[in-house]
Amino acid sequence: MSNEGKKQEVTVNEVSVHEVPADAQFIDVRERDEYAAGHAIGTVNFPLSEFAEYASQINTDQDVYIICKAGGRSAKACEYLTQATGATAFSVAGGTTAWKDAELPMER
């Protein structure tokens, strides 16, 4: 039996807010208005709704850390990026909500 045409299942790697390296390639996939209201320092905004368009700008030779509000959208972005490019991507568990709760640096 062939697996052709079947979507390969991808396990999403998850890390806590405290495991994101200071020099990480760090992407926030929330929409622009959410990002503008406040985001983790060091992130770039590639909204999930436009993520496929930005994928070519991501350095797939370096680990990628992806955050959203709570973890759902970042998991989808990780799955997409892993399947499309083979990159090693990590979803930040709890998202920006957990980042704020941990009192980690934010900016507007």
N, C-alpha and C. Protein backbone atom coordinates (compact mmCIF):
# COMPACT_ATOMS: atom_id res chain seq x y z
N MET A 1 0.85 -1.19 0.00
CA MET A 1 0.00 0.00 0.00
C MET A 1 0.89 1.24 0.00
N SER A 2 0.57 2.17 -0.85
CA SER A 2 1.37 3.39 -1.01
C SER A 2 0.87 4.51 -0.11
N ASN A 3 1.78 5.34 0.34
CA ASN A 3 1.42 6.52 1.14
C ASN A 3 1.29 7.76 0.27
N GLU A 4 1.38 7.59 -1.05
CA GLU A 4 1.28 8.73 -1.95
C GLU A 4 -0.04 9.44 -1.77
N GLY A 5 0.02 10.76 -1.75
CA GLY A 5 -1.20 11.55 -1.62
C GLY A 5 -1.70 11.69 -0.20
N LYS A 6 -1.12 10.94 0.72
CA LYS A 6 -1.54 11.06 2.12
C LYS A 6 -0.68 12.10 2.80
N LYS A 7 -1.31 12.87 3.66
CA LYS A 7 -0.58 13.90 4.40
C LYS A 7 0.26 13.22 5.47
N GLN A 8 1.54 13.56 5.50
CA GLN A 8 2.43 13.00 6.51
C GLN A 8 2.13 13.67 7.84
N GLU A 9 1.99 12.85 8.88
CA GLU A 9 1.72 13.41 10.20
C GLU A 9 3.02 13.97 10.78
N VAL A 10 2.92 15.15 11.32
CA VAL A 10 4.08 15.82 11.91
C VAL A 10 3.85 16.01 13.40
N THR A 11 4.83 15.65 14.19
CA THR A 11 4.76 15.90 15.62
C THR A 11 5.28 17.31 15.86
N VAL A 12 4.49 18.12 16.55
CA VAL A 12 4.90 19.50 16.82
C VAL A 12 5.74 19.52 18.09
N ASN A 13 6.95 20.07 17.97
CA ASN A 13 7.83 20.24 19.13
C ASN A 13 7.34 21.44 19.92
N GLU A 14 7.27 21.28 21.24
CA GLU A 14 6.79 22.36 22.08
C GLU A 14 7.85 22.71 23.12
N VAL A 15 8.01 23.99 23.40
CA VAL A 15 8.94 24.45 24.43
C VAL A 15 8.23 25.44 25.34
N SER A 16 8.73 25.57 26.56
CA SER A 16 8.16 26.57 27.47
C SER A 16 8.73 27.94 27.13
N VAL A 17 8.10 28.97 27.64
CA VAL A 17 8.58 30.34 27.39
C VAL A 17 10.01 30.53 27.89
N HIS A 18 10.42 29.76 28.88
CA HIS A 18 11.76 29.89 29.44
C HIS A 18 12.82 29.17 28.61
N GLU A 19 12.40 28.39 27.62
CA GLU A 19 13.35 27.63 26.80
C GLU A 19 13.69 28.31 25.46
N VAL A 20 13.13 29.49 25.21
CA VAL A 20 13.42 30.20 23.96
C VAL A 20 14.77 30.90 24.10
N PRO A 21 15.76 30.54 23.28
CA PRO A 21 17.07 31.19 23.38
C PRO A 21 17.00 32.69 23.08
N ALA A 22 17.86 33.45 23.72
CA ALA A 22 17.86 34.91 23.55
C ALA A 22 18.11 35.31 22.10
N ASP A 23 18.89 34.52 21.37
CA ASP A 23 19.22 34.86 19.98
C ASP A 23 18.39 34.06 18.97
N ALA A 24 17.25 33.57 19.41
CA ALA A 24 16.41 32.70 18.58
C ALA A 24 15.83 33.41 17.37
N GLN A 25 15.59 32.65 16.33
CA GLN A 25 14.78 33.08 15.21
C GLN A 25 13.34 32.93 15.73
N PHE A 26 12.71 34.03 16.08
CA PHE A 26 11.49 34.03 16.90
C PHE A 26 10.37 34.72 16.12
N ILE A 27 9.33 33.97 15.80
CA ILE A 27 8.25 34.47 14.95
C ILE A 27 6.92 34.47 15.70
N ASP A 28 6.21 35.58 15.63
CA ASP A 28 4.87 35.72 16.21
C ASP A 28 3.87 35.62 15.06
N VAL A 29 2.97 34.63 15.12
CA VAL A 29 2.03 34.41 14.02
C VAL A 29 0.64 34.99 14.28
N ARG A 30 0.53 35.83 15.33
CA ARG A 30 -0.76 36.50 15.56
C ARG A 30 -0.98 37.54 14.46
N GLU A 31 -2.21 37.97 14.32
CA GLU A 31 -2.53 38.98 13.31
C GLU A 31 -1.89 40.32 13.70
N ARG A 32 -1.75 41.19 12.72
CA ARG A 32 -1.02 42.45 12.91
C ARG A 32 -1.54 43.30 14.07
N ASP A 33 -2.87 43.38 14.23
CA ASP A 33 -3.43 44.19 15.32
C ASP A 33 -3.08 43.60 16.68
N GLU A 34 -3.07 42.28 16.80
CA GLU A 34 -2.69 41.63 18.06
C GLU A 34 -1.22 41.90 18.36
N TYR A 35 -0.39 41.77 17.34
CA TYR A 35 1.05 42.00 17.49
C TYR A 35 1.33 43.43 17.92
N ALA A 36 0.63 44.39 17.29
CA ALA A 36 0.83 45.81 17.61
C ALA A 36 0.44 46.13 19.04
N ALA A 37 -0.49 45.38 19.61
CA ALA A 37 -0.95 45.62 20.98
C ALA A 37 0.08 45.19 22.02
N GLY A 38 1.06 44.39 21.62
CA GLY A 38 2.11 43.94 22.53
C GLY A 38 2.63 42.58 22.12
N HIS A 39 3.96 42.44 22.10
CA HIS A 39 4.57 41.19 21.68
C HIS A 39 5.89 40.97 22.42
N ALA A 40 6.33 39.72 22.40
CA ALA A 40 7.60 39.37 23.02
C ALA A 40 8.73 40.08 22.28
N ILE A 41 9.67 40.62 23.04
CA ILE A 41 10.83 41.29 22.44
C ILE A 41 11.60 40.26 21.60
N GLY A 42 12.01 40.70 20.43
CA GLY A 42 12.81 39.84 19.56
C GLY A 42 12.01 39.10 18.50
N THR A 43 10.69 39.23 18.53
CA THR A 43 9.88 38.54 17.52
C THR A 43 9.74 39.37 16.26
N VAL A 44 9.49 38.67 15.16
CA VAL A 44 9.05 39.30 13.91
C VAL A 44 7.63 38.80 13.68
N ASN A 45 6.82 39.61 13.03
CA ASN A 45 5.41 39.27 12.83
C ASN A 45 5.17 38.73 11.42
N PHE A 46 4.89 37.42 11.36
CA PHE A 46 4.47 36.76 10.13
C PHE A 46 3.10 36.16 10.43
N PRO A 47 2.00 36.92 10.25
CA PRO A 47 0.67 36.42 10.61
C PRO A 47 0.37 35.07 9.97
N LEU A 48 -0.30 34.19 10.71
CA LEU A 48 -0.63 32.87 10.19
C LEU A 48 -1.41 32.97 8.88
N SER A 49 -2.28 33.97 8.77
CA SER A 49 -3.08 34.13 7.55
C SER A 49 -2.22 34.41 6.31
N GLU A 50 -0.96 34.82 6.53
CA GLU A 50 -0.05 35.13 5.42
C GLU A 50 1.23 34.30 5.51
N PHE A 51 1.24 33.30 6.38
CA PHE A 51 2.46 32.59 6.73
C PHE A 51 3.16 31.95 5.53
N ALA A 52 2.40 31.35 4.63
CA ALA A 52 3.00 30.70 3.46
C ALA A 52 3.81 31.69 2.63
N GLU A 53 3.37 32.93 2.59
CA GLU A 53 4.08 33.96 1.82
C GLU A 53 5.42 34.32 2.47
N TYR A 54 5.51 34.18 3.79
CA TYR A 54 6.73 34.54 4.51
C TYR A 54 7.71 33.38 4.68
N ALA A 55 7.26 32.16 4.42
CA ALA A 55 8.08 30.98 4.69
C ALA A 55 9.45 31.05 4.03
N SER A 56 9.54 31.65 2.86
CA SER A 56 10.82 31.73 2.15
C SER A 56 11.81 32.67 2.84
N GLN A 57 11.33 33.51 3.74
CA GLN A 57 12.20 34.45 4.46
C GLN A 57 12.79 33.84 5.74
N ILE A 58 12.36 32.63 6.05
CA ILE A 58 12.80 31.98 7.29
C ILE A 58 14.06 31.16 7.02
N ASN A 59 15.07 31.32 7.87
CA ASN A 59 16.31 30.57 7.74
C ASN A 59 16.06 29.16 8.28
N THR A 60 15.90 28.21 7.38
CA THR A 60 15.58 26.84 7.79
C THR A 60 16.79 26.06 8.27
N ASP A 61 17.98 26.67 8.22
CA ASP A 61 19.19 26.04 8.76
C ASP A 61 19.32 26.31 10.26
N GLN A 62 18.48 27.17 10.78
CA GLN A 62 18.50 27.54 12.20
C GLN A 62 17.14 27.15 12.80
N ASP A 63 17.13 26.72 14.06
CA ASP A 63 15.87 26.41 14.73
C ASP A 63 14.95 27.62 14.70
N VAL A 64 13.65 27.36 14.60
CA VAL A 64 12.65 28.42 14.53
C VAL A 64 11.71 28.27 15.72
N TYR A 65 11.48 29.35 16.45
CA TYR A 65 10.57 29.36 17.59
C TYR A 65 9.37 30.20 17.20
N ILE A 66 8.17 29.63 17.36
CA ILE A 66 6.95 30.30 16.91
C ILE A 66 5.99 30.46 18.07
N ILE A 67 5.44 31.67 18.20
CA ILE A 67 4.54 32.01 19.30
C ILE A 67 3.26 32.61 18.72
N CYS A 68 2.15 32.43 19.44
CA CYS A 68 0.88 33.09 19.09
C CYS A 68 0.26 33.54 20.41
N LYS A 69 -1.04 33.52 20.53
CA LYS A 69 -1.66 33.94 21.79
C LYS A 69 -1.60 32.83 22.84
N ALA A 70 -1.98 31.59 22.42
CA ALA A 70 -2.05 30.51 23.40
C ALA A 70 -1.39 29.21 22.95
N GLY A 71 -1.04 29.08 21.69
CA GLY A 71 -0.36 27.88 21.22
C GLY A 71 -0.98 27.18 20.02
N GLY A 72 -2.22 27.46 19.71
CA GLY A 72 -2.89 26.80 18.59
C GLY A 72 -2.36 27.20 17.23
N ARG A 73 -2.27 28.49 16.98
CA ARG A 73 -1.79 28.97 15.68
C ARG A 73 -0.30 28.67 15.50
N SER A 74 0.47 28.77 16.58
CA SER A 74 1.90 28.48 16.45
C SER A 74 2.12 27.01 16.11
N ALA A 75 1.30 26.12 16.65
CA ALA A 75 1.41 24.69 16.32
C ALA A 75 1.12 24.47 14.84
N LYS A 76 0.10 25.15 14.30
CA LYS A 76 -0.21 25.03 12.87
C LYS A 76 0.94 25.55 12.02
N ALA A 77 1.52 26.68 12.42
CA ALA A 77 2.64 27.24 11.67
C ALA A 77 3.85 26.31 11.71
N CYS A 78 4.11 25.71 12.86
CA CYS A 78 5.22 24.75 12.99
C CYS A 78 5.01 23.56 12.06
N GLU A 79 3.79 23.04 12.06
CA GLU A 79 3.48 21.89 11.21
C GLU A 79 3.69 22.25 9.74
N TYR A 80 3.17 23.41 9.33
CA TYR A 80 3.33 23.85 7.95
C TYR A 80 4.81 23.99 7.59
N LEU A 81 5.56 24.69 8.43
CA LEU A 81 6.96 24.97 8.15
C LEU A 81 7.77 23.68 8.07
N THR A 82 7.52 22.75 8.97
CA THR A 82 8.22 21.48 8.98
C THR A 82 7.93 20.69 7.70
N GLN A 83 6.66 20.63 7.32
CA GLN A 83 6.30 19.89 6.11
C GLN A 83 6.81 20.57 4.84
N ALA A 84 6.72 21.88 4.77
CA ALA A 84 7.07 22.61 3.55
C ALA A 84 8.58 22.75 3.35
N THR A 85 9.33 22.85 4.45
CA THR A 85 10.76 23.17 4.31
C THR A 85 11.70 22.20 5.02
N GLY A 86 11.18 21.37 5.90
CA GLY A 86 12.03 20.48 6.67
C GLY A 86 12.70 21.16 7.86
N ALA A 87 12.32 22.40 8.13
CA ALA A 87 12.90 23.16 9.24
C ALA A 87 12.57 22.51 10.59
N THR A 88 13.41 22.78 11.57
CA THR A 88 13.13 22.37 12.94
C THR A 88 12.44 23.55 13.60
N ALA A 89 11.17 23.36 13.93
CA ALA A 89 10.37 24.46 14.49
C ALA A 89 9.79 24.06 15.84
N PHE A 90 9.71 25.02 16.74
CA PHE A 90 9.19 24.81 18.09
C PHE A 90 8.04 25.76 18.35
N SER A 91 6.94 25.23 18.87
CA SER A 91 5.80 26.04 19.27
C SER A 91 5.99 26.41 20.74
N VAL A 92 5.83 27.69 21.05
CA VAL A 92 5.99 28.15 22.43
C VAL A 92 4.69 27.87 23.18
N ALA A 93 4.75 26.94 24.12
CA ALA A 93 3.56 26.52 24.88
C ALA A 93 2.96 27.68 25.65
N GLY A 94 1.66 27.83 25.55
CA GLY A 94 0.97 28.89 26.28
C GLY A 94 1.02 30.24 25.60
N GLY A 95 1.86 30.36 24.58
CA GLY A 95 1.92 31.57 23.77
C GLY A 95 2.25 32.85 24.52
N THR A 96 1.77 33.95 23.95
CA THR A 96 2.03 35.27 24.53
C THR A 96 1.40 35.40 25.91
N THR A 97 0.30 34.69 26.13
CA THR A 97 -0.33 34.72 27.45
C THR A 97 0.64 34.20 28.51
N ALA A 98 1.29 33.06 28.23
CA ALA A 98 2.26 32.49 29.17
C ALA A 98 3.50 33.39 29.27
N TRP A 99 3.89 34.00 28.16
CA TRP A 99 5.05 34.90 28.14
C TRP A 99 4.80 36.07 29.10
N LYS A 100 3.61 36.67 29.00
CA LYS A 100 3.25 37.79 29.90
C LYS A 100 3.19 37.33 31.34
N ASP A 101 2.53 36.18 31.56
CA ASP A 101 2.39 35.64 32.92
C ASP A 101 3.74 35.39 33.57
N ALA A 102 4.75 35.03 32.76
CA ALA A 102 6.10 34.78 33.27
C ALA A 102 6.88 36.08 33.43
N GLU A 103 6.23 37.21 33.12
CA GLU A 103 6.83 38.54 33.22
C GLU A 103 8.11 38.67 32.39
N LEU A 104 8.08 38.04 31.21
CA LEU A 104 9.20 38.16 30.27
C LEU A 104 9.02 39.44 29.46
N PRO A 105 10.09 39.98 28.89
CA PRO A 105 10.02 41.30 28.24
C PRO A 105 9.08 41.35 27.03
N MET A 106 8.26 42.41 27.04
CA MET A 106 7.30 42.67 25.97
C MET A 106 7.57 44.08 25.43
N GLU A 107 7.10 44.33 24.22
CA GLU A 107 7.17 45.68 23.65
C GLU A 107 5.96 45.90 22.76
N ARG A 108 5.72 47.17 22.42
CA ARG A 108 4.63 47.52 21.51
C ARG A 108 5.20 48.11 20.25
